[in-house]
């Protein structure tokens, strides 16, 4: 069969949706079979497309974006018709004018629960996602939490929706100290810091991380460092301005967007990964941290417990005292730290992009045959 994948999302950096798009596209091409794929790109010359193998099985086709609106209103539907796809895979937004089989990926419904995106995007999501859900032949979610949320909000029939966990790439692994230091030295960092990562918006709860860190310092941990990484997003402009404007020496470092090639060294070089997110449809950084052998302190809300299982310490993301106490336990207890490392490594092996791609391909075939 011939399937279409809307891959414009892979052309952005530092976003969970782009990580998903890149890895699901790459992994679909590695599966056995004679299926072919049309990758509908906003930037056909992007380095991601040049990195792909299996050239006979895919074609990159340019789709005009027009700020995103044109893609949804007409361009993607025209491209899918031109390529004669048997089914089309998209995220969140079904293209108007396309009447063929459609597989819709919905990562989460955060736009209904939190003020985590700009008003214009929130309005578009509130208007178009319900219609897209009704229009879709099949729906994919990365967690049971999102599946339940979709069913509760939009009444999706169980046979139309499947949970397909995200995966983690092989480069997220424990590293040697030499490998870690080779990367961290370029940022002026030494191993042994607390690490927090995520697209910096209100639901990532960076302010609470800072308050928990301050509480730990007030307890006498004067040498403890905190490293925060991530792309600046909606709602944290004042926080970022504060980082940039500060001329005082500080043990808090914001390093901004971290390239994928460097990210494993940050996880592997950290003593603890802290992720008190207020809302997640999955929580990829938790999985990446565990795969690198880094103990995690995670939010106990939404989809985070599904990812972490019993391999990390779960806390109320709004309880500064509980977060600081959990971090303190990891810092002070070598046996606990080693146990969480081993549990995290074992847990991370349950999540692979190959399995995610296999399930997604099954959904595409199912949609095409319905």
Protein backbone atom coordinates (compact mmCIF):
# COMPACT_ATOMS: atom_id res chain seq x y z
CA UNK A 1 0.00 0.00 0.00
CA UNK A 2 0.95 3.65 -0.39
CA UNK A 3 0.63 5.82 2.70
CA UNK A 4 1.01 9.55 3.24
CA UNK A 5 2.66 11.05 6.32
CA UNK A 6 2.43 14.75 7.17
CA UNK A 7 6.03 15.30 8.26
CA UNK A 8 6.24 19.09 8.46
CA UNK A 9 6.58 18.74 12.25
CA UNK A 10 9.96 17.03 11.97
CA UNK A 11 11.43 20.26 10.63
CA UNK A 12 11.26 21.97 14.04
CA UNK A 13 13.67 21.53 16.93
CA UNK A 14 13.16 20.96 20.64
CA UNK A 15 9.54 19.79 20.52
CA UNK A 16 8.02 16.44 21.45
CA UNK A 17 5.90 16.44 18.30
CA UNK A 18 9.00 16.82 16.12
CA UNK A 19 10.75 13.98 17.98
CA UNK A 20 7.69 11.81 17.38
CA UNK A 21 7.44 12.68 13.68
CA UNK A 22 11.10 12.03 12.98
CA UNK A 23 11.24 8.73 14.75
CA UNK A 24 7.94 7.31 13.58
CA UNK A 25 8.79 8.22 9.97
CA UNK A 26 12.29 6.78 10.19
CA UNK A 27 11.05 3.59 11.84
CA UNK A 28 8.20 3.02 9.38
CA UNK A 29 10.79 2.86 6.61
CA UNK A 30 12.71 0.09 8.39
CA UNK A 31 9.77 -2.30 8.74
CA UNK A 32 9.54 -5.32 6.47
CA UNK A 33 7.06 -5.13 3.64
CA UNK A 34 6.56 -3.40 0.33
CA UNK A 35 4.53 -0.44 1.57
CA UNK A 36 5.62 2.93 0.23
CA UNK A 37 5.38 6.33 1.87
CA UNK A 38 4.89 9.88 0.66
CA UNK A 39 6.42 12.28 3.18
CA UNK A 40 4.62 15.62 2.91
CA UNK A 41 7.19 18.24 3.84
CA UNK A 42 7.20 21.95 4.43
CA UNK A 43 10.98 22.11 3.80
CA UNK A 44 11.93 19.24 1.46
CA UNK A 45 15.63 20.11 1.74
CA UNK A 46 15.66 19.75 5.52
CA UNK A 47 18.53 17.63 6.85
CA UNK A 48 16.11 15.07 8.29
CA UNK A 49 15.04 13.89 4.83
CA UNK A 50 18.63 13.64 3.67
CA UNK A 51 19.38 11.41 6.68
CA UNK A 52 16.87 8.75 5.66
CA UNK A 53 17.81 5.45 4.04
CA UNK A 54 15.39 3.11 2.21
CA UNK A 55 15.12 5.61 -0.66
CA UNK A 56 13.02 3.36 -2.95
CA UNK A 57 10.27 3.21 -0.30
CA UNK A 58 9.62 6.91 0.18
CA UNK A 59 9.22 10.14 -1.69
CA UNK A 60 9.49 13.63 -0.21
CA UNK A 61 6.82 15.93 -1.57
CA UNK A 62 6.70 19.67 -0.92
CA UNK A 63 3.46 20.99 0.57
CA UNK A 64 2.95 24.74 0.81
CA UNK A 65 2.40 25.72 4.44
CA UNK A 66 1.04 29.30 4.24
CA UNK A 67 1.57 29.68 7.97
CA UNK A 68 0.00 26.29 8.61
CA UNK A 69 -3.48 27.38 7.60
CA UNK A 70 -2.98 26.68 3.92
CA UNK A 71 -1.68 23.21 4.66
CA UNK A 72 -4.85 22.32 6.56
CA UNK A 73 -7.29 24.10 4.25
CA UNK A 74 -6.14 22.83 0.87
CA UNK A 75 -2.46 22.02 0.24
CA UNK A 76 -2.18 18.73 2.11
CA UNK A 77 -5.42 17.37 0.65
CA UNK A 78 -4.22 18.17 -2.87
CA UNK A 79 -0.86 16.53 -2.24
CA UNK A 80 -2.50 13.38 -0.85
CA UNK A 81 -4.80 13.17 -3.87
CA UNK A 82 -1.87 13.65 -6.25
CA UNK A 83 0.08 10.85 -4.55
CA UNK A 84 -3.01 8.60 -4.47
CA UNK A 85 -2.39 7.56 -0.90
CA UNK A 86 -4.38 4.66 0.56
CA UNK A 87 -4.43 6.38 3.96
CA UNK A 88 -3.01 9.58 5.44
CA UNK A 89 -1.34 10.07 8.82
CA UNK A 90 -1.55 13.51 10.48
CA UNK A 91 -1.27 15.06 13.94
CA UNK A 92 -4.17 16.95 15.53
CA UNK A 93 -5.56 18.55 12.34
CA UNK A 94 -7.36 16.67 9.57
CA UNK A 95 -6.96 18.46 6.23
CA UNK A 96 -10.14 19.94 4.83
CA UNK A 97 -10.97 18.60 1.41
CA UNK A 98 -9.42 15.18 2.05
CA UNK A 99 -12.08 12.47 2.16
CA UNK A 100 -9.90 9.36 2.22
CA UNK A 101 -8.95 7.10 5.15
CA UNK A 102 -7.28 9.11 7.90
CA UNK A 103 -5.17 8.14 10.93
CA UNK A 104 -5.03 10.97 13.45
CA UNK A 105 -2.36 11.20 16.17
CA UNK A 106 -3.48 13.17 19.22
CA UNK A 107 -0.66 13.52 21.75
CA UNK A 108 -2.74 15.25 24.40
CA UNK A 109 -5.57 17.69 25.01
CA UNK A 110 -3.46 20.11 27.03
CA UNK A 111 -5.11 23.05 25.26
CA UNK A 112 -8.33 22.18 27.14
CA UNK A 113 -6.64 21.88 30.53
CA UNK A 114 -3.80 24.42 30.72
CA UNK A 115 -2.78 27.81 29.32
CA UNK A 116 0.25 26.33 27.58
CA UNK A 117 -0.03 27.73 24.05
CA UNK A 118 -0.67 31.12 22.43
CA UNK A 119 -4.33 32.20 22.22
CA UNK A 120 -4.49 31.85 18.43
CA UNK A 121 -3.22 28.28 18.47
CA UNK A 122 -5.48 27.41 21.40
CA UNK A 123 -8.48 28.71 19.45
CA UNK A 124 -7.52 26.66 16.38
CA UNK A 125 -7.06 23.51 18.47
CA UNK A 126 -10.40 23.97 20.23
CA UNK A 127 -12.15 24.47 16.89
CA UNK A 128 -10.44 21.90 14.70
CA UNK A 129 -9.43 19.00 16.94
CA UNK A 130 -13.03 17.96 17.77
CA UNK A 131 -13.89 18.00 14.05
CA UNK A 132 -10.70 16.10 13.19
CA UNK A 133 -11.50 13.46 15.82
CA UNK A 134 -14.94 12.93 14.31
CA UNK A 135 -13.48 12.86 10.80
CA UNK A 136 -10.66 10.37 11.51
CA UNK A 137 -10.97 6.73 10.52
CA UNK A 138 -8.63 5.69 13.31
CA UNK A 139 -7.02 7.64 16.18
CA UNK A 140 -3.63 7.00 17.80
CA UNK A 141 -2.62 8.26 21.25
CA UNK A 142 0.71 7.80 23.07
CA UNK A 143 -0.86 6.93 26.44
CA UNK A 144 -3.88 5.49 28.19
CA UNK A 145 -4.31 8.87 29.82
CA UNK A 146 -4.84 10.63 26.49
CA UNK A 147 -7.09 7.81 25.26
CA UNK A 148 -9.34 8.22 28.30
CA UNK A 149 -9.31 12.00 27.95
CA UNK A 150 -10.36 11.77 24.30
CA UNK A 151 -13.15 9.36 25.09
CA UNK A 152 -14.42 11.48 27.96
CA UNK A 153 -14.27 14.76 26.02
CA UNK A 154 -15.39 13.66 22.56
CA UNK A 155 -17.08 10.30 23.03
CA UNK A 156 -14.71 8.39 20.74
CA UNK A 157 -15.82 4.78 20.19
CA UNK A 158 -13.26 2.31 21.62
CA UNK A 159 -12.74 0.49 18.29
CA UNK A 160 -11.52 3.71 16.63
CA UNK A 161 -8.70 4.49 19.05
CA UNK A 162 -5.43 2.73 19.93
CA UNK A 163 -2.63 3.48 22.38
CA UNK A 164 0.81 3.42 20.80
CA UNK A 165 3.62 4.29 23.20
CA UNK A 166 6.46 6.50 22.05
CA UNK A 167 9.96 5.04 21.95
CA UNK A 168 13.53 6.05 22.67
CA UNK A 169 16.44 5.98 20.24
CA UNK A 170 19.53 3.85 20.79
CA UNK A 171 21.79 6.87 21.31
CA UNK A 172 20.05 7.48 24.64
CA UNK A 173 22.16 5.14 26.76
CA UNK A 174 24.56 5.25 29.72
CA UNK A 175 27.80 6.94 28.71
CA UNK A 176 31.35 6.72 30.01
CA UNK A 177 32.69 9.62 32.04
CA UNK A 178 34.99 10.49 29.14
CA UNK A 179 32.02 10.71 26.77
CA UNK A 180 30.05 12.79 29.26
CA UNK A 181 32.84 15.27 29.96
CA UNK A 182 33.65 15.68 26.26
CA UNK A 183 30.16 17.14 25.73
CA UNK A 184 29.60 18.97 29.02
CA UNK A 185 32.97 20.75 28.85
CA UNK A 186 31.72 22.64 25.80
CA UNK A 187 29.00 24.13 28.01
CA UNK A 188 31.31 24.84 30.94
CA UNK A 189 29.63 22.15 33.05
CA UNK A 190 30.83 19.39 35.35
CA UNK A 191 28.86 16.16 35.96
CA UNK A 192 26.76 15.88 39.11
CA UNK A 193 24.05 18.52 38.61
CA UNK A 194 20.28 18.42 38.83
CA UNK A 195 18.78 18.49 35.35
CA UNK A 196 15.40 19.66 34.10
CA UNK A 197 14.42 19.73 30.44
CA UNK A 198 11.38 20.52 28.41
CA UNK A 199 9.80 22.98 26.06
CA UNK A 200 9.67 25.94 28.43
CA UNK A 201 6.03 26.80 28.97
CA UNK A 202 3.80 27.11 32.00
CA UNK A 203 2.81 23.48 32.20
CA UNK A 204 6.48 22.39 32.42
CA UNK A 205 6.41 24.11 35.84
CA UNK A 206 9.95 25.50 35.76
CA UNK A 207 9.19 27.95 38.56
CA UNK A 208 8.47 25.09 40.93
CA UNK A 209 11.76 23.43 39.96
CA UNK A 210 13.54 26.64 40.90
CA UNK A 211 11.73 26.87 44.23
CA UNK A 212 12.54 23.24 45.08
CA UNK A 213 16.17 23.89 44.19
CA UNK A 214 16.21 26.98 46.43
CA UNK A 215 14.79 24.87 49.27
CA UNK A 216 17.60 22.35 48.86
CA UNK A 217 20.20 25.10 48.89
CA UNK A 218 18.65 26.54 52.04
CA UNK A 219 19.16 23.13 53.67
CA UNK A 220 22.91 23.54 53.26
CA UNK A 221 23.54 22.06 49.80
CA UNK A 222 25.57 25.09 48.74
CA UNK A 223 27.49 23.23 46.01
CA UNK A 224 24.40 21.83 44.26
CA UNK A 225 23.96 23.00 40.66
CA UNK A 226 20.81 23.08 38.54
CA UNK A 227 20.87 22.93 34.74
CA UNK A 228 17.72 23.78 32.80
CA UNK A 229 17.45 23.06 29.09
CA UNK A 230 14.71 23.62 26.57
CA UNK A 231 13.22 25.75 23.87
CA UNK A 232 11.53 28.96 24.98
CA UNK A 233 7.76 28.69 24.61
CA UNK A 234 4.62 30.59 25.49
CA UNK A 235 4.17 32.07 28.95
CA UNK A 236 7.72 32.02 30.38
CA UNK A 237 9.12 35.16 28.80
CA UNK A 238 9.69 36.90 32.15
CA UNK A 239 11.56 33.90 33.53
CA UNK A 240 13.84 33.71 30.50
CA UNK A 241 14.49 37.45 30.57
CA UNK A 242 15.55 37.05 34.18
CA UNK A 243 18.04 34.34 33.23
CA UNK A 244 19.50 36.45 30.43
CA UNK A 245 19.65 39.69 32.41
CA UNK A 246 21.29 38.26 35.52
CA UNK A 247 24.96 39.19 35.87
CA UNK A 248 25.36 37.49 39.25
CA UNK A 249 27.31 34.25 39.50
CA UNK A 250 24.78 31.48 39.92
CA UNK A 251 24.66 27.74 40.23
CA UNK A 252 21.52 27.75 38.06
CA UNK A 253 22.32 27.46 34.35
CA UNK A 254 19.82 27.78 31.54
CA UNK A 255 21.49 26.33 28.44
CA UNK A 256 18.58 26.76 26.03
CA UNK A 257 17.87 24.30 23.26
CA UNK A 258 20.22 21.31 23.50
CA UNK A 259 21.09 19.54 20.22
CA UNK A 260 19.94 15.93 20.04
CA UNK A 261 23.53 14.71 19.73
CA UNK A 262 24.47 16.35 23.05
CA UNK A 263 21.36 15.51 25.03
CA UNK A 264 22.38 12.00 26.23
CA UNK A 265 25.45 13.46 27.94
CA UNK A 266 23.26 15.85 29.96
CA UNK A 267 21.06 13.01 31.18
CA UNK A 268 24.02 10.70 31.84
CA UNK A 269 25.95 13.47 33.59
CA UNK A 270 23.11 14.46 35.90
CA UNK A 271 22.66 13.05 39.40
CA UNK A 272 18.90 13.42 39.10
CA UNK A 273 16.37 14.42 36.43
CA UNK A 274 13.50 16.57 37.72
CA UNK A 275 10.23 16.73 35.75
CA UNK A 276 7.27 18.09 37.74
CA UNK A 277 5.13 18.76 34.67
CA UNK A 278 1.52 19.77 35.26
CA UNK A 279 0.22 18.04 32.12
CA UNK A 280 1.68 15.47 29.73
CA UNK A 281 0.31 13.22 27.03
CA UNK A 282 3.44 11.10 27.40
CA UNK A 283 6.63 12.75 28.72
CA UNK A 284 9.50 11.82 26.40
CA UNK A 285 12.26 13.39 28.56
CA UNK A 286 11.39 10.95 31.36
CA UNK A 287 11.95 8.02 29.03
CA UNK A 288 15.18 9.48 27.66
CA UNK A 289 16.53 10.11 31.16
CA UNK A 290 15.79 6.54 32.28
CA UNK A 291 17.42 5.14 29.12
CA UNK A 292 20.60 7.06 30.03
CA UNK A 293 20.64 5.68 33.58
CA UNK A 294 19.57 8.91 35.28
CA UNK A 295 17.24 8.60 38.32
CA UNK A 296 14.03 10.60 37.85
CA UNK A 297 11.74 12.65 40.06
CA UNK A 298 8.50 12.86 38.13
CA UNK A 299 5.07 14.41 38.36
CA UNK A 300 2.42 11.99 39.58
CA UNK A 301 -0.18 13.48 37.22
CA UNK A 302 -1.59 12.76 33.76
CA UNK A 303 0.55 10.37 31.67
CA UNK A 304 3.82 10.63 33.62
CA UNK A 305 3.15 7.63 35.91
CA UNK A 306 2.50 5.47 32.80
CA UNK A 307 5.98 6.23 31.52
CA UNK A 308 7.86 5.98 34.81
CA UNK A 309 6.01 3.06 36.40
CA UNK A 310 7.89 2.05 39.56
CA UNK A 311 11.24 3.20 38.11
CA UNK A 312 11.21 6.72 39.58
CA UNK A 313 9.97 8.82 42.47
CA UNK A 314 6.51 10.30 41.81
CA UNK A 315 5.54 13.56 43.48
CA UNK A 316 2.78 16.15 43.50
CA UNK A 317 4.11 18.67 40.93
CA UNK A 318 2.78 21.61 42.94
CA UNK A 319 4.29 20.52 46.26
CA UNK A 320 7.70 22.18 46.50
CA UNK A 321 8.52 20.44 49.78
CA UNK A 322 7.75 16.98 48.33
CA UNK A 323 9.85 17.65 45.23
CA UNK A 324 12.81 18.86 47.27
CA UNK A 325 12.49 15.85 49.61
CA UNK A 326 12.47 13.39 46.69
CA UNK A 327 15.54 15.01 45.15
CA UNK A 328 17.24 14.95 48.55
CA UNK A 329 16.59 11.22 48.90
CA UNK A 330 18.32 10.54 45.60
CA UNK A 331 21.26 12.79 46.45
CA UNK A 332 21.79 11.20 49.87
CA UNK A 333 21.05 7.51 49.28
CA UNK A 334 23.54 5.70 47.04
CA UNK A 335 21.55 2.45 47.18
CA UNK A 336 18.34 4.20 46.13
CA UNK A 337 20.16 5.98 43.33
CA UNK A 338 21.59 2.71 42.00
CA UNK A 339 18.22 0.97 42.30
CA UNK A 340 16.42 3.73 40.38
CA UNK A 341 19.11 3.66 37.73
CA UNK A 342 18.66 -0.10 37.21
CA UNK A 343 14.86 0.16 37.28
CA UNK A 344 14.91 3.03 34.80
CA UNK A 345 17.14 1.19 32.36
CA UNK A 346 14.89 -1.87 32.49
CA UNK A 347 11.76 0.25 32.14
CA UNK A 348 13.09 2.17 29.13
CA UNK A 349 13.67 -1.06 27.20
CA UNK A 350 9.90 -1.55 27.02
CA UNK A 351 9.56 1.49 24.74
CA UNK A 352 10.86 1.24 21.17
CA UNK A 353 10.14 3.25 18.06
CA UNK A 354 10.12 0.02 16.06
CA UNK A 355 7.13 -1.25 18.03
CA UNK A 356 5.46 2.16 17.79
CA UNK A 357 5.94 2.13 14.02
CA UNK A 358 4.63 -1.43 13.75
CA UNK A 359 1.43 -0.50 15.59
CA UNK A 360 1.05 2.69 13.55
CA UNK A 361 1.45 0.80 10.29
CA UNK A 362 -1.23 -1.63 11.49
CA UNK A 363 -3.55 1.32 12.04
CA UNK A 364 -2.82 2.72 8.59
CA UNK A 365 -3.56 -0.62 6.96
CA UNK A 366 -6.70 -1.01 9.05
CA UNK A 367 -7.88 2.46 8.06
CA UNK A 368 -7.15 1.84 4.37
CA UNK A 369 -9.13 -1.40 4.45
CA UNK A 370 -12.14 -0.04 6.36
